[in-house]
């Protein structure tokens, strides 16, 4: 999973946004929203994680450089895995059934069938009007 992409140094603004957004989301979603949806009392540990991230985002965003890089590495790895899963599902759920139906019905969109009586497989193009304003 190694790649040669140079990771730019995050700016202070990016680090501040990371601290504010991630700190808020961890505290609100995991500390209050998810427990409330399951009719449980609020959980304390997400606030112990989220509030310091929020405060560091406000006061000292440069201290969030290493958590930011870890978060981005996690996001990159999850994106790599999810991309392959989504593309695999699309291939097997959409493209393979279409190909199977086309083969079973005898449809040949590229016209690759062998014709022993044909002297050539070249298809002559009908010349169209020449218009340089709309070349395609």
N, C-alpha and C. Protein backbone atom coordinates (compact mmCIF):
# COMPACT_ATOMS: atom_id res chain seq x y z
N UNK A 1 0.83 -1.18 0.00
CA UNK A 1 0.00 0.00 0.00
C UNK A 1 0.87 1.25 0.00
N UNK A 2 2.12 1.08 -0.34
CA UNK A 2 3.00 2.24 -0.38
C UNK A 2 2.78 3.01 -1.67
N UNK A 3 2.83 4.30 -1.54
CA UNK A 3 2.73 5.14 -2.72
C UNK A 3 3.76 6.26 -2.61
N UNK A 4 4.01 6.91 -3.70
CA UNK A 4 5.04 7.94 -3.74
C UNK A 4 4.46 9.34 -3.68
N UNK A 5 3.30 9.48 -3.10
CA UNK A 5 2.66 10.79 -3.01
C UNK A 5 3.27 11.55 -1.84
N UNK A 6 3.78 12.72 -2.11
CA UNK A 6 4.33 13.55 -1.05
C UNK A 6 3.19 14.20 -0.28
N UNK A 7 3.20 14.03 1.02
CA UNK A 7 2.15 14.60 1.85
C UNK A 7 2.58 16.00 2.27
N UNK A 8 1.85 17.02 1.83
CA UNK A 8 2.24 18.38 2.18
C UNK A 8 2.03 18.63 3.68
N UNK A 9 2.80 19.55 4.20
CA UNK A 9 2.67 19.93 5.60
C UNK A 9 1.35 20.67 5.77
N UNK A 10 0.52 20.24 6.72
CA UNK A 10 -0.77 20.91 6.90
C UNK A 10 -0.58 22.33 7.42
N UNK A 11 -1.44 23.21 6.96
CA UNK A 11 -1.36 24.60 7.41
C UNK A 11 -2.01 24.73 8.78
N UNK A 12 -1.78 25.86 9.42
CA UNK A 12 -2.39 26.13 10.73
C UNK A 12 -3.91 26.13 10.61
N UNK A 13 -4.40 26.66 9.51
CA UNK A 13 -5.86 26.69 9.31
C UNK A 13 -6.42 25.27 9.21
N UNK A 14 -5.74 24.39 8.47
CA UNK A 14 -6.19 23.00 8.37
C UNK A 14 -6.16 22.31 9.73
N UNK A 15 -5.11 22.56 10.49
CA UNK A 15 -5.02 21.94 11.82
C UNK A 15 -6.11 22.48 12.75
N UNK A 16 -6.39 23.77 12.66
CA UNK A 16 -7.45 24.37 13.49
C UNK A 16 -8.80 23.75 13.12
N UNK A 17 -9.09 23.67 11.81
CA UNK A 17 -10.35 23.07 11.38
C UNK A 17 -10.45 21.62 11.82
N UNK A 18 -9.34 20.89 11.73
CA UNK A 18 -9.32 19.50 12.17
C UNK A 18 -9.68 19.40 13.65
N UNK A 19 -9.04 20.20 14.48
CA UNK A 19 -9.31 20.16 15.91
C UNK A 19 -10.75 20.52 16.23
N UNK A 20 -11.26 21.57 15.61
CA UNK A 20 -12.63 22.01 15.89
C UNK A 20 -13.66 21.00 15.40
N UNK A 21 -13.50 20.53 14.17
CA UNK A 21 -14.50 19.62 13.59
C UNK A 21 -14.45 18.25 14.25
N UNK A 22 -13.28 17.65 14.32
CA UNK A 22 -13.17 16.30 14.87
C UNK A 22 -13.48 16.31 16.36
N UNK A 23 -13.00 17.30 17.07
CA UNK A 23 -13.32 17.39 18.50
C UNK A 23 -14.80 17.53 18.74
N UNK A 24 -15.46 18.38 17.98
CA UNK A 24 -16.91 18.57 18.13
C UNK A 24 -17.66 17.30 17.78
N UNK A 25 -17.30 16.69 16.65
CA UNK A 25 -18.02 15.49 16.22
C UNK A 25 -17.85 14.33 17.19
N UNK A 26 -16.64 14.12 17.68
CA UNK A 26 -16.43 13.03 18.64
C UNK A 26 -17.27 13.25 19.88
N UNK A 27 -17.22 14.46 20.41
CA UNK A 27 -17.97 14.75 21.64
C UNK A 27 -19.48 14.65 21.41
N UNK A 28 -19.98 15.26 20.35
CA UNK A 28 -21.43 15.31 20.14
C UNK A 28 -21.96 13.96 19.68
N UNK A 29 -21.34 13.36 18.67
CA UNK A 29 -21.88 12.13 18.10
C UNK A 29 -21.71 10.96 19.06
N UNK A 30 -20.49 10.72 19.53
CA UNK A 30 -20.25 9.55 20.36
C UNK A 30 -20.61 9.77 21.83
N UNK A 31 -20.57 11.01 22.28
CA UNK A 31 -20.89 11.26 23.68
C UNK A 31 -22.36 11.49 23.94
N UNK A 32 -23.05 12.09 22.97
CA UNK A 32 -24.45 12.43 23.23
C UNK A 32 -25.42 11.80 22.23
N UNK A 33 -25.21 11.95 20.92
CA UNK A 33 -26.20 11.55 19.93
C UNK A 33 -26.43 10.04 19.88
N UNK A 34 -25.38 9.26 19.72
CA UNK A 34 -25.56 7.81 19.65
C UNK A 34 -26.16 7.23 20.93
N UNK A 35 -25.68 7.62 22.12
CA UNK A 35 -26.36 7.12 23.32
C UNK A 35 -27.82 7.57 23.40
N UNK A 36 -28.13 8.79 22.98
CA UNK A 36 -29.51 9.27 23.03
C UNK A 36 -30.40 8.48 22.07
N UNK A 37 -29.88 8.11 20.91
CA UNK A 37 -30.66 7.32 19.97
C UNK A 37 -30.99 5.93 20.52
N UNK A 38 -30.10 5.40 21.35
CA UNK A 38 -30.32 4.09 21.95
C UNK A 38 -30.90 4.20 23.36
N UNK A 39 -31.33 5.41 23.72
CA UNK A 39 -31.96 5.69 25.02
C UNK A 39 -31.06 5.32 26.20
N UNK A 40 -29.80 5.72 26.08
CA UNK A 40 -28.83 5.55 27.16
C UNK A 40 -28.40 6.93 27.62
N UNK A 41 -27.86 7.05 28.82
CA UNK A 41 -27.35 8.35 29.27
C UNK A 41 -26.07 8.70 28.49
N UNK A 42 -25.71 9.98 28.46
CA UNK A 42 -24.49 10.37 27.74
C UNK A 42 -23.26 9.65 28.27
N UNK A 43 -22.30 9.41 27.38
CA UNK A 43 -21.06 8.73 27.74
C UNK A 43 -19.98 9.79 27.95
N UNK A 44 -19.11 9.57 28.92
CA UNK A 44 -18.14 10.60 29.31
C UNK A 44 -16.88 10.58 28.46
N UNK A 45 -16.36 9.42 28.07
CA UNK A 45 -15.05 9.37 27.42
C UNK A 45 -14.98 10.16 26.12
N UNK A 46 -16.03 10.23 25.29
CA UNK A 46 -15.89 11.05 24.07
C UNK A 46 -15.68 12.53 24.38
N UNK A 47 -16.21 12.99 25.50
CA UNK A 47 -15.99 14.39 25.88
C UNK A 47 -14.54 14.59 26.33
N UNK A 48 -13.94 13.57 26.97
CA UNK A 48 -12.54 13.66 27.38
C UNK A 48 -11.61 13.66 26.18
N UNK A 49 -12.04 13.12 25.07
CA UNK A 49 -11.24 13.14 23.84
C UNK A 49 -11.57 14.37 22.99
N UNK A 50 -12.85 14.67 22.84
CA UNK A 50 -13.29 15.72 21.94
C UNK A 50 -13.00 17.13 22.42
N UNK A 51 -13.22 17.38 23.71
CA UNK A 51 -13.02 18.74 24.23
C UNK A 51 -11.55 19.17 24.16
N UNK A 52 -10.58 18.31 24.54
CA UNK A 52 -9.18 18.73 24.35
C UNK A 52 -8.81 18.99 22.89
N UNK A 53 -9.34 18.17 21.98
CA UNK A 53 -9.09 18.43 20.55
C UNK A 53 -9.66 19.79 20.15
N UNK A 54 -10.85 20.10 20.63
CA UNK A 54 -11.50 21.37 20.32
C UNK A 54 -10.68 22.54 20.88
N UNK A 55 -10.24 22.41 22.14
CA UNK A 55 -9.46 23.48 22.78
C UNK A 55 -8.11 23.66 22.09
N UNK A 56 -7.44 22.54 21.77
CA UNK A 56 -6.17 22.65 21.05
C UNK A 56 -6.37 23.27 19.67
N UNK A 57 -7.49 22.97 19.03
CA UNK A 57 -7.79 23.59 17.74
C UNK A 57 -7.95 25.09 17.86
N UNK A 58 -8.50 25.54 18.96
CA UNK A 58 -8.67 26.98 19.18
C UNK A 58 -7.36 27.65 19.59
N UNK A 59 -6.65 27.05 20.54
CA UNK A 59 -5.50 27.72 21.17
C UNK A 59 -4.15 27.39 20.55
N UNK A 60 -3.91 26.12 20.24
CA UNK A 60 -2.58 25.71 19.76
C UNK A 60 -2.72 24.66 18.67
N UNK A 61 -3.17 25.06 17.49
CA UNK A 61 -3.40 24.07 16.44
C UNK A 61 -2.13 23.36 15.96
N UNK A 62 -0.97 23.96 16.16
CA UNK A 62 0.26 23.30 15.71
C UNK A 62 0.54 22.02 16.50
N UNK A 63 -0.02 21.89 17.70
CA UNK A 63 0.15 20.66 18.48
C UNK A 63 -0.66 19.50 17.92
N UNK A 64 -1.55 19.79 16.99
CA UNK A 64 -2.39 18.74 16.40
C UNK A 64 -1.78 18.16 15.13
N UNK A 65 -0.52 18.47 14.85
CA UNK A 65 0.10 18.01 13.62
C UNK A 65 0.18 16.48 13.55
N UNK A 66 0.59 15.83 14.63
CA UNK A 66 0.70 14.36 14.62
C UNK A 66 -0.66 13.67 14.64
N UNK A 67 -1.62 14.11 15.47
CA UNK A 67 -2.95 13.50 15.37
C UNK A 67 -3.59 13.70 13.99
N UNK A 68 -3.32 14.85 13.37
CA UNK A 68 -3.85 15.12 12.03
C UNK A 68 -3.28 14.12 11.02
N UNK A 69 -1.97 13.90 11.09
CA UNK A 69 -1.34 12.96 10.16
C UNK A 69 -1.83 11.54 10.39
N UNK A 70 -2.01 11.14 11.64
CA UNK A 70 -2.55 9.81 11.92
C UNK A 70 -3.98 9.68 11.39
N UNK A 71 -4.77 10.73 11.58
CA UNK A 71 -6.16 10.73 11.09
C UNK A 71 -6.19 10.63 9.56
N UNK A 72 -5.32 11.37 8.89
CA UNK A 72 -5.27 11.33 7.43
C UNK A 72 -4.77 9.98 6.93
N UNK A 73 -3.82 9.37 7.63
CA UNK A 73 -3.34 8.04 7.24
C UNK A 73 -4.46 7.02 7.38
N UNK A 74 -5.22 7.11 8.47
CA UNK A 74 -6.37 6.22 8.65
C UNK A 74 -7.40 6.44 7.55
N UNK A 75 -7.69 7.69 7.24
CA UNK A 75 -8.64 7.99 6.17
C UNK A 75 -8.15 7.49 4.81
N UNK A 76 -6.87 7.61 4.56
CA UNK A 76 -6.31 7.13 3.30
C UNK A 76 -6.44 5.61 3.20
N UNK A 77 -6.12 4.91 4.28
CA UNK A 77 -6.22 3.45 4.28
C UNK A 77 -7.67 3.00 4.11
N UNK A 78 -8.59 3.63 4.82
CA UNK A 78 -10.00 3.27 4.70
C UNK A 78 -10.53 3.58 3.30
N UNK A 79 -10.09 4.68 2.71
CA UNK A 79 -10.50 5.00 1.35
C UNK A 79 -9.98 3.99 0.34
N UNK A 80 -8.76 3.51 0.54
CA UNK A 80 -8.19 2.51 -0.34
C UNK A 80 -9.00 1.22 -0.28
N UNK A 81 -9.33 0.78 0.93
CA UNK A 81 -10.11 -0.45 1.10
C UNK A 81 -11.52 -0.27 0.56
N UNK A 82 -12.18 0.82 0.93
CA UNK A 82 -13.55 1.04 0.49
C UNK A 82 -13.64 1.19 -1.02
N UNK A 83 -12.65 1.80 -1.64
CA UNK A 83 -12.66 1.92 -3.10
C UNK A 83 -12.66 0.57 -3.77
N UNK A 84 -11.85 -0.34 -3.28
CA UNK A 84 -11.82 -1.67 -3.87
C UNK A 84 -13.10 -2.44 -3.59
N UNK A 85 -13.66 -2.26 -2.41
CA UNK A 85 -14.93 -2.94 -2.10
C UNK A 85 -16.04 -2.41 -3.00
N UNK A 86 -16.16 -1.11 -3.11
CA UNK A 86 -17.23 -0.52 -3.93
C UNK A 86 -17.06 -0.91 -5.39
N UNK A 87 -15.85 -0.83 -5.92
CA UNK A 87 -15.63 -1.20 -7.32
C UNK A 87 -15.89 -2.69 -7.54
N UNK A 88 -15.51 -3.52 -6.58
CA UNK A 88 -15.79 -4.95 -6.70
C UNK A 88 -17.27 -5.25 -6.69
N UNK A 89 -18.00 -4.59 -5.81
CA UNK A 89 -19.46 -4.79 -5.75
C UNK A 89 -20.11 -4.32 -7.04
N UNK A 90 -19.71 -3.17 -7.55
CA UNK A 90 -20.28 -2.68 -8.81
C UNK A 90 -19.98 -3.66 -9.94
N UNK A 91 -18.76 -4.18 -9.97
CA UNK A 91 -18.40 -5.12 -11.03
C UNK A 91 -19.26 -6.38 -10.96
N UNK A 92 -19.36 -6.98 -9.78
CA UNK A 92 -20.07 -8.25 -9.67
C UNK A 92 -21.58 -8.10 -9.66
N UNK A 93 -22.11 -6.97 -9.20
CA UNK A 93 -23.56 -6.80 -9.11
C UNK A 93 -24.14 -6.16 -10.37
N UNK A 94 -23.36 -5.32 -11.05
CA UNK A 94 -23.90 -4.61 -12.22
C UNK A 94 -23.33 -5.17 -13.52
N UNK A 95 -22.01 -5.16 -13.67
CA UNK A 95 -21.41 -5.48 -14.95
C UNK A 95 -21.46 -6.97 -15.29
N UNK A 96 -21.20 -7.84 -14.33
CA UNK A 96 -21.23 -9.27 -14.63
C UNK A 96 -22.61 -9.77 -15.04
N UNK A 97 -23.70 -9.38 -14.35
CA UNK A 97 -25.02 -9.82 -14.83
C UNK A 97 -25.36 -9.30 -16.23
N UNK A 98 -24.96 -8.07 -16.53
CA UNK A 98 -25.21 -7.53 -17.88
C UNK A 98 -24.45 -8.36 -18.91
N UNK A 99 -23.19 -8.67 -18.64
CA UNK A 99 -22.40 -9.47 -19.58
C UNK A 99 -22.99 -10.86 -19.74
N UNK A 100 -23.46 -11.45 -18.66
CA UNK A 100 -24.05 -12.79 -18.73
C UNK A 100 -25.31 -12.79 -19.58
N UNK A 101 -26.17 -11.81 -19.38
CA UNK A 101 -27.40 -11.71 -20.18
C UNK A 101 -27.06 -11.47 -21.65
N UNK A 102 -26.08 -10.63 -21.92
CA UNK A 102 -25.71 -10.36 -23.31
C UNK A 102 -25.15 -11.61 -23.98
N UNK A 103 -24.32 -12.38 -23.27
CA UNK A 103 -23.77 -13.60 -23.86
C UNK A 103 -24.84 -14.65 -24.08
N UNK A 104 -25.74 -14.80 -23.10
CA UNK A 104 -26.79 -15.80 -23.25
C UNK A 104 -27.76 -15.44 -24.37
N UNK A 105 -27.97 -14.16 -24.60
CA UNK A 105 -28.88 -13.74 -25.67
C UNK A 105 -28.18 -13.66 -27.03
N UNK A 106 -26.87 -13.87 -27.07
CA UNK A 106 -26.14 -13.86 -28.33
C UNK A 106 -25.80 -12.47 -28.84
N UNK A 107 -25.92 -11.47 -28.01
CA UNK A 107 -25.63 -10.09 -28.43
C UNK A 107 -24.11 -9.89 -28.51
N UNK A 108 -23.65 -9.35 -29.63
CA UNK A 108 -22.23 -9.11 -29.85
C UNK A 108 -22.03 -7.64 -30.20
N UNK A 109 -21.87 -6.74 -29.20
CA UNK A 109 -21.82 -5.31 -29.50
C UNK A 109 -20.60 -4.90 -30.33
N UNK A 110 -19.52 -5.65 -30.28
CA UNK A 110 -18.33 -5.30 -31.05
C UNK A 110 -18.30 -5.99 -32.42
N UNK A 111 -19.27 -6.79 -32.72
CA UNK A 111 -19.38 -7.53 -33.98
C UNK A 111 -18.09 -8.30 -34.26
N UNK A 112 -17.74 -9.18 -33.32
CA UNK A 112 -16.51 -9.95 -33.43
C UNK A 112 -16.72 -11.33 -34.04
N UNK A 113 -17.92 -11.63 -34.48
CA UNK A 113 -18.19 -12.96 -35.03
C UNK A 113 -17.40 -13.19 -36.32
N UNK A 114 -16.99 -14.42 -36.53
CA UNK A 114 -16.24 -14.81 -37.72
C UNK A 114 -17.20 -15.02 -38.88
N UNK A 115 -16.92 -14.36 -39.97
CA UNK A 115 -17.73 -14.52 -41.18
C UNK A 115 -16.80 -15.05 -42.28
N UNK A 116 -16.89 -16.35 -42.60
CA UNK A 116 -15.96 -16.92 -43.59
C UNK A 116 -16.16 -16.37 -45.00
N UNK A 117 -17.34 -15.84 -45.30
CA UNK A 117 -17.59 -15.34 -46.65
C UNK A 117 -17.14 -13.89 -46.82
N UNK A 118 -16.76 -13.22 -45.75
CA UNK A 118 -16.37 -11.81 -45.84
C UNK A 118 -14.94 -11.69 -46.35
N UNK A 119 -14.72 -10.80 -47.30
CA UNK A 119 -13.36 -10.58 -47.79
C UNK A 119 -12.61 -9.61 -46.88
N UNK A 120 -13.34 -8.74 -46.19
CA UNK A 120 -12.73 -7.80 -45.26
C UNK A 120 -13.76 -7.46 -44.18
N UNK A 121 -13.26 -7.02 -43.07
CA UNK A 121 -14.14 -6.61 -41.98
C UNK A 121 -14.18 -5.09 -41.86
N UNK A 122 -13.58 -4.42 -42.78
CA UNK A 122 -13.56 -2.97 -42.74
C UNK A 122 -14.95 -2.42 -43.02
N UNK A 123 -15.32 -1.40 -42.24
CA UNK A 123 -16.61 -0.74 -42.44
C UNK A 123 -16.34 0.65 -42.98
N UNK A 124 -16.91 0.93 -44.14
CA UNK A 124 -16.71 2.24 -44.75
C UNK A 124 -17.54 3.28 -44.02
N UNK A 125 -16.93 4.42 -43.82
CA UNK A 125 -17.60 5.51 -43.13
C UNK A 125 -18.30 6.39 -44.13
N UNK A 126 -19.51 6.81 -43.76
CA UNK A 126 -20.23 7.74 -44.61
C UNK A 126 -19.69 9.14 -44.33
N UNK A 127 -19.23 9.83 -45.39
CA UNK A 127 -18.68 11.17 -45.14
C UNK A 127 -19.78 12.13 -44.68
N UNK A 128 -19.48 12.86 -43.64
CA UNK A 128 -20.43 13.83 -43.11
C UNK A 128 -20.10 15.22 -43.62
N UNK A 129 -20.89 16.17 -43.21
CA UNK A 129 -20.63 17.55 -43.61
C UNK A 129 -19.43 18.08 -42.83
N UNK A 130 -18.66 18.91 -43.48
CA UNK A 130 -17.48 19.49 -42.83
C UNK A 130 -17.89 20.82 -42.22
N UNK A 131 -17.80 20.88 -40.90
CA UNK A 131 -18.15 22.10 -40.19
C UNK A 131 -17.10 22.31 -39.12
N UNK A 132 -16.28 23.32 -39.28
CA UNK A 132 -15.19 23.54 -38.33
C UNK A 132 -15.65 24.18 -37.03
N UNK A 133 -16.89 24.65 -36.96
CA UNK A 133 -17.41 25.19 -35.71
C UNK A 133 -17.76 24.08 -34.73
N UNK A 134 -18.24 22.96 -35.25
CA UNK A 134 -18.55 21.79 -34.43
C UNK A 134 -17.84 20.59 -35.04
N UNK A 135 -16.53 20.41 -34.77
CA UNK A 135 -15.77 19.35 -35.43
C UNK A 135 -16.17 17.94 -34.98
N UNK A 136 -16.78 17.80 -33.84
CA UNK A 136 -17.13 16.46 -33.39
C UNK A 136 -18.61 16.32 -33.40
